[in-house]
Amino acid sequence: MYQQYSPPKFNILPPVCKNLLIINVIAFLATYVFRMRGIDLSDIFGLHFFASDNHYFWQYITYAFFHANFSHLFFNMFAIWMFGYTLENVWGQKRFLIFCLVACLGAAVAQQGVYYFLYSDLINGVYSGVNIGGGITISTAEFLNNLNTVGASGIVFGLLAAFGMMYPNSTIYFYFLIPIKTKWFVIIYMLLELFNGITTTSDGVAHFAHLGGAIAGIVLLLIWKKQRDEYRY
């Protein structure tokens, strides 16, 4: 018989959530400390385009632990706690960790696909340089090497999508004031991300990475549901 995981008590800060918050805060502080010594951890561990000289395999995971600024860190960590602690209590530590890794990888793969779609002409040598504004032109290689993605937003959107699927009629208070059902919040937010991803190319936000994390999370949740239903049968 299938049995759902049930923790001994509902933990407001379960282990994986807690460790994700701790690691991200440490990484954020370390970024500033090492930067004063001339070492850019975000450049080393952020996700670079696969056609760049700065691309390494570990970046598909480590990029999620580094953030551009304090607000970027704060809102991502708040969202991980807000949606993550319920899901970890329901799923258990192992399944929750697997889910976060899958959402992280889904976001990374989506972002690499967007990079390739946008800059395939540069990869193929159609242009020898890129005008970055202000009359400044840099080489194609330098431009590609500077493409870098950081942040745990892919995990956040995966958790948000999963929470919306599991608790569609629960209420979220948008900006702590406006009540809205989770399912509508998720749908509207995803549509806004898609719209912004299509219409905005220079706002510095990886909209399609967010959607990639959400899609990866949804797919994994559907796989788990199918396995559970088959096991019950």
Protein backbone atom coordinates (compact mmCIF):
# COMPACT_ATOMS: atom_id res chain seq x y z
CA MET A 1 0.00 0.00 0.00
CA TYR A 2 1.22 3.52 -0.85
CA GLN A 3 1.92 5.69 2.18
CA GLN A 4 2.60 9.41 2.08
CA TYR A 5 5.52 10.67 4.11
CA SER A 6 4.41 12.27 7.35
CA PRO A 7 7.00 14.05 9.53
CA PRO A 8 6.91 13.60 13.32
CA LYS A 9 5.92 17.25 13.53
CA PHE A 10 5.40 20.04 11.03
CA ASN A 11 8.77 21.78 10.99
CA ILE A 12 8.69 25.49 10.17
CA LEU A 13 12.33 25.28 9.00
CA PRO A 14 13.02 21.72 7.78
CA PRO A 15 16.65 20.62 7.14
CA VAL A 16 16.98 21.04 3.36
CA CYS A 17 15.24 24.43 3.36
CA LYS A 18 17.40 25.56 6.26
CA ASN A 19 20.61 24.45 4.58
CA LEU A 20 19.65 26.08 1.28
CA LEU A 21 19.17 29.38 3.11
CA ILE A 22 22.45 29.03 5.01
CA ILE A 23 24.52 28.09 1.93
CA ASN A 24 23.08 30.95 -0.12
CA VAL A 25 23.75 33.51 2.59
CA ILE A 26 27.31 32.24 3.07
CA ALA A 27 27.90 32.33 -0.69
CA PHE A 28 26.55 35.88 -0.86
CA LEU A 29 28.84 37.09 1.93
CA ALA A 30 31.81 35.20 0.49
CA THR A 31 31.25 36.88 -2.88
CA TYR A 32 31.88 40.30 -1.37
CA VAL A 33 34.83 39.16 0.74
CA PHE A 34 36.60 37.50 -2.20
CA ARG A 35 35.76 40.37 -4.55
CA MET A 36 37.80 42.69 -2.32
CA ARG A 37 40.71 40.33 -2.98
CA GLY A 38 40.16 40.44 -6.74
CA ILE A 39 38.37 37.09 -7.01
CA ASP A 40 34.86 37.03 -8.50
CA LEU A 41 33.05 33.95 -7.19
CA SER A 42 29.96 34.77 -9.26
CA ASP A 43 32.09 34.57 -12.38
CA ILE A 44 33.58 31.23 -11.32
CA PHE A 45 30.36 29.59 -10.13
CA GLY A 46 27.73 31.42 -12.19
CA LEU A 47 26.29 29.71 -15.25
CA HIS A 48 28.18 30.77 -18.38
CA PHE A 49 27.11 30.07 -21.93
CA PHE A 50 28.31 26.66 -23.10
CA ALA A 51 30.09 28.27 -26.08
CA SER A 52 32.18 30.48 -23.82
CA ASP A 53 35.65 29.84 -22.46
CA ASN A 54 34.31 30.35 -18.92
CA HIS A 55 31.81 27.48 -19.07
CA TYR A 56 32.30 24.54 -16.66
CA PHE A 57 30.06 21.59 -15.76
CA TRP A 58 29.70 22.47 -12.07
CA GLN A 59 28.04 25.77 -12.95
CA TYR A 60 24.75 23.97 -13.72
CA ILE A 61 24.32 23.56 -9.96
CA THR A 62 26.47 26.23 -8.33
CA TYR A 63 24.86 29.15 -10.17
CA ALA A 64 21.78 28.74 -7.95
CA PHE A 65 23.78 29.61 -4.81
CA PHE A 66 24.99 33.03 -5.94
CA HIS A 67 22.99 36.23 -6.31
CA ALA A 68 23.45 39.61 -7.95
CA ASN A 69 22.49 41.74 -4.94
CA PHE A 70 20.79 41.64 -1.54
CA SER A 71 17.22 42.05 -2.82
CA HIS A 72 17.79 39.23 -5.31
CA LEU A 73 18.98 37.00 -2.46
CA PHE A 74 16.29 38.06 0.01
CA PHE A 75 13.27 37.49 -2.22
CA ASN A 76 14.57 34.15 -3.50
CA MET A 77 15.29 32.91 0.02
CA PHE A 78 11.94 34.14 1.28
CA ALA A 79 10.17 32.30 -1.56
CA ILE A 80 12.13 29.09 -0.95
CA TRP A 81 11.07 29.19 2.68
CA MET A 82 7.49 30.27 1.91
CA PHE A 83 6.75 27.40 -0.48
CA GLY A 84 9.56 25.01 0.39
CA TYR A 85 8.92 24.31 4.04
CA THR A 86 5.41 22.96 3.34
CA LEU A 87 6.60 20.81 0.44
CA GLU A 88 9.58 19.43 2.35
CA ASN A 89 7.36 18.51 5.28
CA VAL A 90 5.01 16.68 2.91
CA TRP A 91 7.62 15.03 0.65
CA GLY A 92 10.47 14.45 3.05
CA GLN A 93 14.08 15.60 2.75
CA LYS A 94 15.25 13.30 -0.06
CA ARG A 95 12.38 13.96 -2.43
CA PHE A 96 12.45 17.69 -1.74
CA LEU A 97 16.20 17.84 -2.48
CA ILE A 98 15.74 15.89 -5.72
CA PHE A 99 12.97 18.27 -6.76
CA CYS A 100 15.15 21.34 -6.12
CA LEU A 101 18.02 19.85 -8.15
CA VAL A 102 15.72 19.02 -11.07
CA ALA A 103 14.23 22.54 -11.07
CA CYS A 104 17.75 23.99 -10.88
CA LEU A 105 18.92 21.93 -13.87
CA GLY A 106 15.72 22.65 -15.82
CA ALA A 107 16.26 26.38 -15.41
CA ALA A 108 19.92 26.07 -16.44
CA VAL A 109 19.13 24.07 -19.60
CA ALA A 110 16.38 26.54 -20.55
CA GLN A 111 18.75 29.47 -20.15
CA GLN A 112 21.40 27.78 -22.28
CA GLY A 113 18.78 27.25 -24.97
CA VAL A 114 17.84 30.93 -24.87
CA TYR A 115 21.50 31.94 -25.10
CA TYR A 116 21.93 29.75 -28.18
CA PHE A 117 18.75 31.07 -29.83
CA LEU A 118 19.73 34.70 -29.25
CA TYR A 119 23.42 34.47 -30.07
CA SER A 120 23.75 31.69 -32.65
CA ASP A 121 25.01 34.22 -35.22
CA LEU A 122 27.86 35.15 -32.87
CA ILE A 123 28.75 31.50 -32.37
CA ASN A 124 28.81 30.92 -36.11
CA GLY A 125 31.10 33.89 -36.71
CA VAL A 126 28.62 36.07 -38.59
CA TYR A 127 29.80 39.10 -36.60
CA SER A 128 33.32 39.89 -35.48
CA GLY A 129 32.30 42.23 -32.68
CA VAL A 130 29.35 43.41 -30.57
CA ASN A 131 28.35 47.02 -29.95
CA ILE A 132 27.40 47.19 -26.25
CA GLY A 133 26.42 50.87 -26.35
CA GLY A 134 28.21 54.14 -25.79
CA GLY A 135 30.24 53.60 -28.94
CA ILE A 136 31.99 50.63 -27.34
CA THR A 137 32.53 47.46 -29.36
CA ILE A 138 33.92 44.27 -27.85
CA SER A 139 34.94 41.02 -29.49
CA THR A 140 32.43 38.21 -29.95
CA ALA A 141 34.45 35.96 -27.64
CA GLU A 142 34.48 38.57 -24.88
CA PHE A 143 30.74 39.13 -25.20
CA LEU A 144 29.99 35.40 -24.97
CA ASN A 145 32.35 35.01 -22.02
CA ASN A 146 30.44 37.74 -20.15
CA LEU A 147 27.08 35.96 -20.40
CA ASN A 148 26.47 34.76 -16.87
CA THR A 149 23.38 33.65 -14.93
CA VAL A 150 23.11 33.50 -11.13
CA GLY A 151 20.30 32.99 -8.65
CA ALA A 152 17.96 30.40 -7.18
CA SER A 153 14.93 31.65 -9.11
CA GLY A 154 14.67 28.42 -11.12
CA ILE A 155 14.22 26.50 -7.87
CA VAL A 156 11.75 29.10 -6.64
CA PHE A 157 9.58 28.81 -9.73
CA GLY A 158 9.71 25.03 -9.58
CA LEU A 159 8.51 25.13 -5.97
CA LEU A 160 5.87 27.72 -6.83
CA ALA A 161 4.51 25.56 -9.67
CA ALA A 162 4.47 22.45 -7.46
CA PHE A 163 2.73 24.30 -4.64
CA GLY A 164 0.12 25.59 -7.09
CA MET A 165 -0.54 22.06 -8.37
CA MET A 166 -0.78 20.53 -4.91
CA TYR A 167 -2.69 23.33 -3.17
CA PRO A 168 -4.52 25.15 -5.98
CA ASN A 169 -7.26 26.61 -3.79
CA SER A 170 -5.08 27.81 -0.94
CA THR A 171 -4.74 31.57 -0.54
CA ILE A 172 -1.63 33.64 -1.10
CA TYR A 173 -1.52 37.26 0.03
CA PHE A 174 0.09 39.16 -2.82
CA TYR A 175 2.35 41.85 -1.36
CA PHE A 176 0.98 40.63 2.00
CA LEU A 177 -2.30 42.46 1.28
CA ILE A 178 -4.20 41.10 -1.73
CA PRO A 179 -5.67 37.58 -1.31
CA ILE A 180 -5.50 35.39 -4.41
CA LYS A 181 -5.90 31.65 -4.92
CA THR A 182 -2.60 29.90 -5.54
CA LYS A 183 -3.65 28.45 -8.90
CA TRP A 184 -4.47 31.90 -10.31
CA PHE A 185 -1.32 33.41 -8.85
CA VAL A 186 0.82 30.72 -10.51
CA ILE A 187 -0.94 30.97 -13.88
CA ILE A 188 -0.77 34.77 -13.99
CA TYR A 189 2.85 34.82 -12.85
CA MET A 190 3.91 32.26 -15.47
CA LEU A 191 2.11 34.14 -18.23
CA LEU A 192 3.82 37.36 -17.15
CA GLU A 193 7.19 35.61 -17.23
CA LEU A 194 6.46 34.31 -20.73
CA PHE A 195 5.36 37.76 -21.90
CA ASN A 196 8.40 39.46 -20.37
CA GLY A 197 10.71 36.80 -21.79
CA ILE A 198 9.37 37.36 -25.30
CA THR A 199 9.16 41.15 -25.24
CA THR A 200 12.12 42.08 -23.01
CA THR A 201 15.69 41.26 -23.94
CA SER A 202 17.78 43.67 -21.86
CA ASP A 203 16.26 43.80 -18.36
CA GLY A 204 18.88 41.44 -16.94
CA VAL A 205 16.27 38.90 -15.76
CA ALA A 206 16.41 35.28 -16.97
CA HIS A 207 12.67 34.90 -17.58
CA PHE A 208 12.97 31.68 -19.56
CA ALA A 209 15.18 30.16 -16.87
CA HIS A 210 12.32 30.80 -14.44
CA LEU A 211 9.92 29.04 -16.80
CA GLY A 212 12.41 26.21 -17.29
CA GLY A 213 12.53 25.62 -13.54
CA ALA A 214 8.73 25.64 -13.35
CA ILE A 215 8.32 23.23 -16.29
CA ALA A 216 10.96 20.85 -14.92
CA GLY A 217 9.18 20.88 -11.56
CA ILE A 218 5.78 20.23 -13.13
CA VAL A 219 7.12 17.33 -15.21
CA LEU A 220 8.77 15.73 -12.17
CA LEU A 221 5.61 16.14 -10.11
CA LEU A 222 3.55 14.45 -12.85
CA ILE A 223 6.05 11.58 -13.00
CA TRP A 224 5.81 11.12 -9.25
CA LYS A 225 2.01 11.19 -9.45
CA LYS A 226 1.98 8.55 -12.18
CA GLN A 227 4.34 6.32 -10.19
CA ARG A 228 2.20 6.74 -7.10
CA ASP A 229 -1.01 5.92 -8.96
CA GLU A 230 0.58 2.82 -10.55
CA TYR A 231 1.84 1.69 -7.14
CA ARG A 232 -1.60 2.13 -5.65
CA TYR A 233 -3.12 0.09 -8.45
